[in-house]
Amino acid sequence: MPLDRLVLLVVLALGAALAVVWVSAVAIAALQIPYGWLAAIPAIFAGYVVWRVVADRLNSAEDSYYDNIEK
């Protein structure tokens, strides 16, 4: 992977994390929810993304490495 693409992905990931935290803080301040929930909202989003990636990897027949190994 080229270095510029890697840097772009890191910057986008950090920007997305910052946006999630900022939107969560604004929503919590507007709804007057305790700030302990501020940590739960990004954790829920991260858990959802991890769950989707794992589910896609387990159900994808076209991307299976072990199907192409000679036996």
PDB file of N, CA and C in Angstrom:
ATOM      1  N   MET A   1       0.845  -1.164   0.000  1.00  0.00           N
ATOM      2  CA  MET A   1       0.000   0.000   0.000  1.00  0.00           C
ATOM      3  C   MET A   1       0.896   1.234   0.000  1.00  0.00           C
ATOM      4  N   PRO A   2       0.645   2.154  -0.921  1.00  0.00           N
ATOM      5  CA  PRO A   2       1.460   3.370  -0.959  1.00  0.00           C
ATOM      6  C   PRO A   2       1.289   4.193   0.321  1.00  0.00           C
ATOM      7  N   LEU A   3       2.343   4.937   0.659  1.00  0.00           N
ATOM      8  CA  LEU A   3       2.344   5.724   1.879  1.00  0.00           C
ATOM      9  C   LEU A   3       1.257   6.799   1.863  1.00  0.00           C
ATOM     10  N   ASP A   4       1.012   7.416   0.718  1.00  0.00           N
ATOM     11  CA  ASP A   4      -0.002   8.472   0.682  1.00  0.00           C
ATOM     12  C   ASP A   4      -1.403   7.911   0.944  1.00  0.00           C
ATOM     13  N   ARG A   5      -1.674   6.717   0.483  1.00  0.00           N
ATOM     14  CA  ARG A   5      -2.982   6.097   0.740  1.00  0.00           C
ATOM     15  C   ARG A   5      -3.120   5.741   2.217  1.00  0.00           C
ATOM     16  N   LEU A   6      -2.041   5.236   2.824  1.00  0.00           N
ATOM     17  CA  LEU A   6      -2.058   4.905   4.243  1.00  0.00           C
ATOM     18  C   LEU A   6      -2.293   6.154   5.091  1.00  0.00           C
ATOM     19  N   VAL A   7      -1.610   7.232   4.764  1.00  0.00           N
ATOM     20  CA  VAL A   7      -1.797   8.488   5.500  1.00  0.00           C
ATOM     21  C   VAL A   7      -3.220   8.995   5.328  1.00  0.00           C
ATOM     22  N   LEU A   8      -3.763   8.895   4.123  1.00  0.00           N
ATOM     23  CA  LEU A   8      -5.135   9.321   3.885  1.00  0.00           C
ATOM     24  C   LEU A   8      -6.111   8.516   4.731  1.00  0.00           C
ATOM     25  N   LEU A   9      -5.924   7.198   4.809  1.00  0.00           N
ATOM     26  CA  LEU A   9      -6.805   6.360   5.616  1.00  0.00           C
ATOM     27  C   LEU A   9      -6.708   6.708   7.103  1.00  0.00           C
ATOM     28  N   VAL A  10      -5.502   6.965   7.589  1.00  0.00           N
ATOM     29  CA  VAL A  10      -5.324   7.323   8.998  1.00  0.00           C
ATOM     30  C   VAL A  10      -5.988   8.662   9.290  1.00  0.00           C
ATOM     31  N   VAL A  11      -5.812   9.634   8.414  1.00  0.00           N
ATOM     32  CA  VAL A  11      -6.426  10.954   8.606  1.00  0.00           C
ATOM     33  C   VAL A  11      -7.942  10.850   8.565  1.00  0.00           C
ATOM     34  N   LEU A  12      -8.475  10.077   7.635  1.00  0.00           N
ATOM     35  CA  LEU A  12      -9.927   9.906   7.566  1.00  0.00           C
ATOM     36  C   LEU A  12     -10.478   9.194   8.801  1.00  0.00           C
ATOM     37  N   ALA A  13      -9.769   8.188   9.288  1.00  0.00           N
ATOM     38  CA  ALA A  13     -10.221   7.473  10.477  1.00  0.00           C
ATOM     39  C   ALA A  13     -10.207   8.382  11.699  1.00  0.00           C
ATOM     40  N   LEU A  14      -9.154   9.160  11.859  1.00  0.00           N
ATOM     41  CA  LEU A  14      -9.093  10.087  12.988  1.00  0.00           C
ATOM     42  C   LEU A  14     -10.157  11.174  12.874  1.00  0.00           C
ATOM     43  N   GLY A  15     -10.377  11.663  11.668  1.00  0.00           N
ATOM     44  CA  GLY A  15     -11.420  12.665  11.462  1.00  0.00           C
ATOM     45  C   GLY A  15     -12.806  12.116  11.764  1.00  0.00           C
ATOM     46  N   ALA A  16     -13.050  10.880  11.357  1.00  0.00           N
ATOM     47  CA  ALA A  16     -14.343  10.262  11.640  1.00  0.00           C
ATOM     48  C   ALA A  16     -14.524  10.049  13.132  1.00  0.00           C
ATOM     49  N   ALA A  17     -13.477   9.628  13.824  1.00  0.00           N
ATOM     50  CA  ALA A  17     -13.562   9.441  15.271  1.00  0.00           C
ATOM     51  C   ALA A  17     -13.826  10.766  15.972  1.00  0.00           C
ATOM     52  N   LEU A  18     -13.153  11.812  15.536  1.00  0.00           N
ATOM     53  CA  LEU A  18     -13.375  13.135  16.108  1.00  0.00           C
ATOM     54  C   LEU A  18     -14.802  13.609  15.853  1.00  0.00           C
ATOM     55  N   ALA A  19     -15.317  13.358  14.659  1.00  0.00           N
ATOM     56  CA  ALA A  19     -16.687  13.756  14.334  1.00  0.00           C
ATOM     57  C   ALA A  19     -17.697  13.001  15.187  1.00  0.00           C
ATOM     58  N   VAL A  20     -17.475  11.717  15.416  1.00  0.00           N
ATOM     59  CA  VAL A  20     -18.390  10.928  16.248  1.00  0.00           C
ATOM     60  C   VAL A  20     -18.390  11.445  17.680  1.00  0.00           C
ATOM     61  N   VAL A  21     -17.214  11.736  18.211  1.00  0.00           N
ATOM     62  CA  VAL A  21     -17.130  12.252  19.579  1.00  0.00           C
ATOM     63  C   VAL A  21     -17.795  13.621  19.668  1.00  0.00           C
ATOM     64  N   TRP A  22     -17.569  14.476  18.686  1.00  0.00           N
ATOM     65  CA  TRP A  22     -18.154  15.821  18.709  1.00  0.00           C
ATOM     66  C   TRP A  22     -19.683  15.761  18.602  1.00  0.00           C
ATOM     67  N   VAL A  23     -20.193  14.971  17.677  1.00  0.00           N
ATOM     68  CA  VAL A  23     -21.648  14.844  17.524  1.00  0.00           C
ATOM     69  C   VAL A  23     -22.253  14.223  18.782  1.00  0.00           C
ATOM     70  N   SER A  24     -21.576  13.269  19.362  1.00  0.00           N
ATOM     71  CA  SER A  24     -22.059  12.654  20.601  1.00  0.00           C
ATOM     72  C   SER A  24     -22.099  13.672  21.742  1.00  0.00           C
ATOM     73  N   ALA A  25     -21.063  14.492  21.847  1.00  0.00           N
ATOM     74  CA  ALA A  25     -21.020  15.505  22.896  1.00  0.00           C
ATOM     75  C   ALA A  25     -22.138  16.522  22.719  1.00  0.00           C
ATOM     76  N   VAL A  26     -22.388  16.921  21.491  1.00  0.00           N
ATOM     77  CA  VAL A  26     -23.469  17.872  21.227  1.00  0.00           C
ATOM     78  C   VAL A  26     -24.822  17.247  21.561  1.00  0.00           C
ATOM     79  N   ALA A  27     -25.020  15.996  21.167  1.00  0.00           N
ATOM     80  CA  ALA A  27     -26.291  15.323  21.446  1.00  0.00           C
ATOM     81  C   ALA A  27     -26.488  15.131  22.944  1.00  0.00           C
ATOM     82  N   ILE A  28     -25.435  14.759  23.646  1.00  0.00           N
ATOM     83  CA  ILE A  28     -25.552  14.557  25.090  1.00  0.00           C
ATOM     84  C   ILE A  28     -25.816  15.878  25.802  1.00  0.00           C
ATOM     85  N   ALA A  29     -25.156  16.951  25.361  1.00  0.00           N
ATOM     86  CA  ALA A  29     -25.397  18.257  25.975  1.00  0.00           C
ATOM     87  C   ALA A  29     -26.824  18.723  25.699  1.00  0.00           C
ATOM     88  N   ALA A  30     -27.324  18.465  24.506  1.00  0.00           N
ATOM     89  CA  ALA A  30     -28.671  18.899  24.164  1.00  0.00           C
ATOM     90  C   ALA A  30     -29.729  18.099  24.923  1.00  0.00           C
ATOM     91  N   LEU A  31     -29.461  16.830  25.147  1.00  0.00           N
ATOM     92  CA  LEU A  31     -30.431  15.966  25.812  1.00  0.00           C
ATOM     93  C   LEU A  31     -30.180  15.851  27.313  1.00  0.00           C
ATOM     94  N   GLN A  32     -29.103  16.449  27.809  1.00  0.00           N
ATOM     95  CA  GLN A  32     -28.712  16.429  29.216  1.00  0.00           C
ATOM     96  C   GLN A  32     -28.581  15.001  29.751  1.00  0.00           C
ATOM     97  N   ILE A  33     -27.857  14.185  28.994  1.00  0.00           N
ATOM     98  CA  ILE A  33     -27.556  12.812  29.390  1.00  0.00           C
ATOM     99  C   ILE A  33     -26.229  12.845  30.146  1.00  0.00           C
ATOM    100  N   PRO A  34     -26.040  12.005  31.156  1.00  0.00           N
ATOM    101  CA  PRO A  34     -24.748  11.982  31.871  1.00  0.00           C
ATOM    102  C   PRO A  34     -23.579  11.701  30.912  1.00  0.00           C
ATOM    103  N   TYR A  35     -22.432  12.325  31.214  1.00  0.00           N
ATOM    104  CA  TYR A  35     -21.285  12.229  30.308  1.00  0.00           C
ATOM    105  C   TYR A  35     -20.650  10.841  30.262  1.00  0.00           C
ATOM    106  N   GLY A  36     -21.022   9.950  31.133  1.00  0.00           N
ATOM    107  CA  GLY A  36     -20.527   8.582  31.067  1.00  0.00           C
ATOM    108  C   GLY A  36     -20.958   7.887  29.781  1.00  0.00           C
ATOM    109  N   TRP A  37     -22.088   8.285  29.251  1.00  0.00           N
ATOM    110  CA  TRP A  37     -22.581   7.713  28.000  1.00  0.00           C
ATOM    111  C   TRP A  37     -21.773   8.194  26.800  1.00  0.00           C
ATOM    112  N   LEU A  38     -20.993   9.263  26.982  1.00  0.00           N
ATOM    113  CA  LEU A  38     -20.174   9.776  25.878  1.00  0.00           C
ATOM    114  C   LEU A  38     -19.183   8.720  25.404  1.00  0.00           C
ATOM    115  N   ALA A  39     -18.667   7.903  26.296  1.00  0.00           N
ATOM    116  CA  ALA A  39     -17.737   6.843  25.914  1.00  0.00           C
ATOM    117  C   ALA A  39     -18.468   5.655  25.295  1.00  0.00           C
ATOM    118  N   ALA A  40     -19.726   5.471  25.640  1.00  0.00           N
ATOM    119  CA  ALA A  40     -20.474   4.312  25.135  1.00  0.00           C
ATOM    120  C   ALA A  40     -20.865   4.486  23.667  1.00  0.00           C
ATOM    121  N   ILE A  41     -21.142   5.696  23.253  1.00  0.00           N
ATOM    122  CA  ILE A  41     -21.612   5.912  21.879  1.00  0.00           C
ATOM    123  C   ILE A  41     -20.539   5.542  20.848  1.00  0.00           C
ATOM    124  N   PRO A  42     -19.295   6.051  20.944  1.00  0.00           N
ATOM    125  CA  PRO A  42     -18.268   5.598  19.986  1.00  0.00           C
ATOM    126  C   PRO A  42     -17.970   4.104  20.107  1.00  0.00           C
ATOM    127  N   ALA A  43     -18.053   3.560  21.317  1.00  0.00           N
ATOM    128  CA  ALA A  43     -17.812   2.132  21.491  1.00  0.00           C
ATOM    129  C   ALA A  43     -18.876   1.303  20.773  1.00  0.00           C
ATOM    130  N   ILE A  44     -20.112   1.757  20.809  1.00  0.00           N
ATOM    131  CA  ILE A  44     -21.189   1.064  20.097  1.00  0.00           C
ATOM    132  C   ILE A  44     -20.955   1.132  18.592  1.00  0.00           C
ATOM    133  N   PHE A  45     -20.571   2.309  18.087  1.00  0.00           N
ATOM    134  CA  PHE A  45     -20.279   2.435  16.658  1.00  0.00           C
ATOM    135  C   PHE A  45     -19.121   1.537  16.246  1.00  0.00           C
ATOM    136  N   ALA A  46     -18.057   1.501  17.049  1.00  0.00           N
ATOM    137  CA  ALA A  46     -16.900   0.666  16.730  1.00  0.00           C
ATOM    138  C   ALA A  46     -17.280  -0.816  16.771  1.00  0.00           C
ATOM    139  N   GLY A  47     -18.071  -1.197  17.752  1.00  0.00           N
ATOM    140  CA  GLY A  47     -18.530  -2.581  17.831  1.00  0.00           C
ATOM    141  C   GLY A  47     -19.365  -2.984  16.633  1.00  0.00           C
ATOM    142  N   TYR A  48     -20.200  -2.070  16.169  1.00  0.00           N
ATOM    143  CA  TYR A  48     -21.028  -2.346  14.987  1.00  0.00           C
ATOM    144  C   TYR A  48     -20.150  -2.547  13.745  1.00  0.00           C
ATOM    145  N   VAL A  49     -19.151  -1.695  13.583  1.00  0.00           N
ATOM    146  CA  VAL A  49     -18.255  -1.818  12.423  1.00  0.00           C
ATOM    147  C   VAL A  49     -17.493  -3.138  12.484  1.00  0.00           C
ATOM    148  N   VAL A  50     -16.975  -3.496  13.653  1.00  0.00           N
ATOM    149  CA  VAL A  50     -16.249  -4.759  13.807  1.00  0.00           C
ATOM    150  C   VAL A  50     -17.177  -5.935  13.518  1.00  0.00           C
ATOM    151  N   TRP A  51     -18.398  -5.876  14.036  1.00  0.00           N
ATOM    152  CA  TRP A  51     -19.365  -6.952  13.798  1.00  0.00           C
ATOM    153  C   TRP A  51     -19.657  -7.104  12.304  1.00  0.00           C
ATOM    154  N   ARG A  52     -19.826  -5.985  11.580  1.00  0.00           N
ATOM    155  CA  ARG A  52     -20.099  -6.054  10.144  1.00  0.00           C
ATOM    156  C   ARG A  52     -18.917  -6.621   9.374  1.00  0.00           C
ATOM    157  N   VAL A  53     -17.697  -6.244   9.741  1.00  0.00           N
ATOM    158  CA  VAL A  53     -16.508  -6.752   9.054  1.00  0.00           C
ATOM    159  C   VAL A  53     -16.372  -8.255   9.275  1.00  0.00           C
ATOM    160  N   VAL A  54     -16.546  -8.702  10.504  1.00  0.00           N
ATOM    161  CA  VAL A  54     -16.434 -10.131  10.801  1.00  0.00           C
ATOM    162  C   VAL A  54     -17.528 -10.912  10.085  1.00  0.00           C
ATOM    163  N   ALA A  55     -18.750 -10.400  10.108  1.00  0.00           N
ATOM    164  CA  ALA A  55     -19.855 -11.084   9.433  1.00  0.00           C
ATOM    165  C   ALA A  55     -19.606 -11.171   7.931  1.00  0.00           C
ATOM    166  N   ASP A  56     -19.064 -10.110   7.335  1.00  0.00           N
ATOM    167  CA  ASP A  56     -18.783 -10.125   5.898  1.00  0.00           C
ATOM    168  C   ASP A  56     -17.664 -11.105   5.576  1.00  0.00           C
ATOM    169  N   ARG A  57     -16.644 -11.164   6.418  1.00  0.00           N
ATOM    170  CA  ARG A  57     -15.539 -12.091   6.177  1.00  0.00           C
ATOM    171  C   ARG A  57     -15.996 -13.536   6.313  1.00  0.00           C
ATOM    172  N   LEU A  58     -16.888 -13.815   7.249  1.00  0.00           N
ATOM    173  CA  LEU A  58     -17.347 -15.186   7.440  1.00  0.00           C
ATOM    174  C   LEU A  58     -18.299 -15.638   6.339  1.00  0.00           C
ATOM    175  N   ASN A  59     -19.063 -14.720   5.766  1.00  0.00           N
ATOM    176  CA  ASN A  59     -20.079 -15.091   4.783  1.00  0.00           C
ATOM    177  C   ASN A  59     -19.644 -14.902   3.336  1.00  0.00           C
ATOM    178  N   SER A  60     -18.466 -14.346   3.087  1.00  0.00           N
ATOM    179  CA  SER A  60     -18.014 -14.071   1.730  1.00  0.00           C
ATOM    180  C   SER A  60     -17.333 -15.296   1.144  1.00  0.00           C
ATOM    181  N   ALA A  61     -17.953 -15.898   0.148  1.00  0.00           N
ATOM    182  CA  ALA A  61     -17.381 -17.093  -0.476  1.00  0.00           C
ATOM    183  C   ALA A  61     -16.300 -16.731  -1.485  1.00  0.00           C
ATOM    184  N   GLU A  62     -16.358 -15.566  -2.068  1.00  0.00           N
ATOM    185  CA  GLU A  62     -15.408 -15.195  -3.115  1.00  0.00           C
ATOM    186  C   GLU A  62     -14.055 -14.759  -2.559  1.00  0.00           C
ATOM    187  N   ASP A  63     -13.966 -14.475  -1.282  1.00  0.00           N
ATOM    188  CA  ASP A  63     -12.740 -13.942  -0.706  1.00  0.00           C
ATOM    189  C   ASP A  63     -12.093 -14.930   0.267  1.00  0.00           C
ATOM    190  N   SER A  64     -12.350 -16.208   0.085  1.00  0.00           N
ATOM    191  CA  SER A  64     -11.820 -17.198   1.010  1.00  0.00           C
ATOM    192  C   SER A  64     -10.424 -17.654   0.573  1.00  0.00           C
ATOM    193  N   TYR A  65      -9.439 -17.389   1.412  1.00  0.00           N
ATOM    194  CA  TYR A  65      -8.059 -17.776   1.125  1.00  0.00           C
ATOM    195  C   TYR A  65      -7.904 -19.291   1.129  1.00  0.00           C
ATOM    196  N   TYR A  66      -8.566 -19.960   2.035  1.00  0.00           N
ATOM    197  CA  TYR A  66      -8.359 -21.385   2.220  1.00  0.00           C
ATOM    198  C   TYR A  66      -8.996 -22.226   1.105  1.00  0.00           C
ATOM    199  N   ASP A  67      -9.896 -21.666   0.321  1.00  0.00           N
ATOM    200  CA  ASP A  67     -10.452 -22.402  -0.788  1.00  0.00           C
ATOM    201  C   ASP A  67      -9.467 -22.549  -1.949  1.00  0.00           C
ATOM    202  N   ASN A  68      -8.456 -21.673  -1.995  1.00  0.00           N
ATOM    203  CA  ASN A  68      -7.494 -21.701  -3.110  1.00  0.00           C
ATOM    204  C   ASN A  68      -6.227 -22.491  -2.805  1.00  0.00           C
ATOM    205  N   ILE A  69      -6.140 -23.092  -1.639  1.00  0.00           N
ATOM    206  CA  ILE A  69      -4.950 -23.859  -1.258  1.00  0.00           C
ATOM    207  C   ILE A  69      -5.071 -25.275  -1.838  1.00  0.00           C
ATOM    208  N   GLU A  70      -3.944 -25.737  -2.403  1.00  0.00           N
ATOM    209  CA  GLU A  70      -3.940 -27.110  -2.915  1.00  0.00           C
ATOM    210  C   GLU A  70      -3.953 -28.081  -1.750  1.00  0.00           C
ATOM    211  N   LYS A  71      -4.705 -29.144  -1.899  1.00  0.00           N
ATOM    212  CA  LYS A  71      -4.827 -30.134  -0.813  1.00  0.00           C
ATOM    213  C   LYS A  71      -4.115 -31.414  -1.162  1.00  0.00           C
TER     214      LYS A  71
END
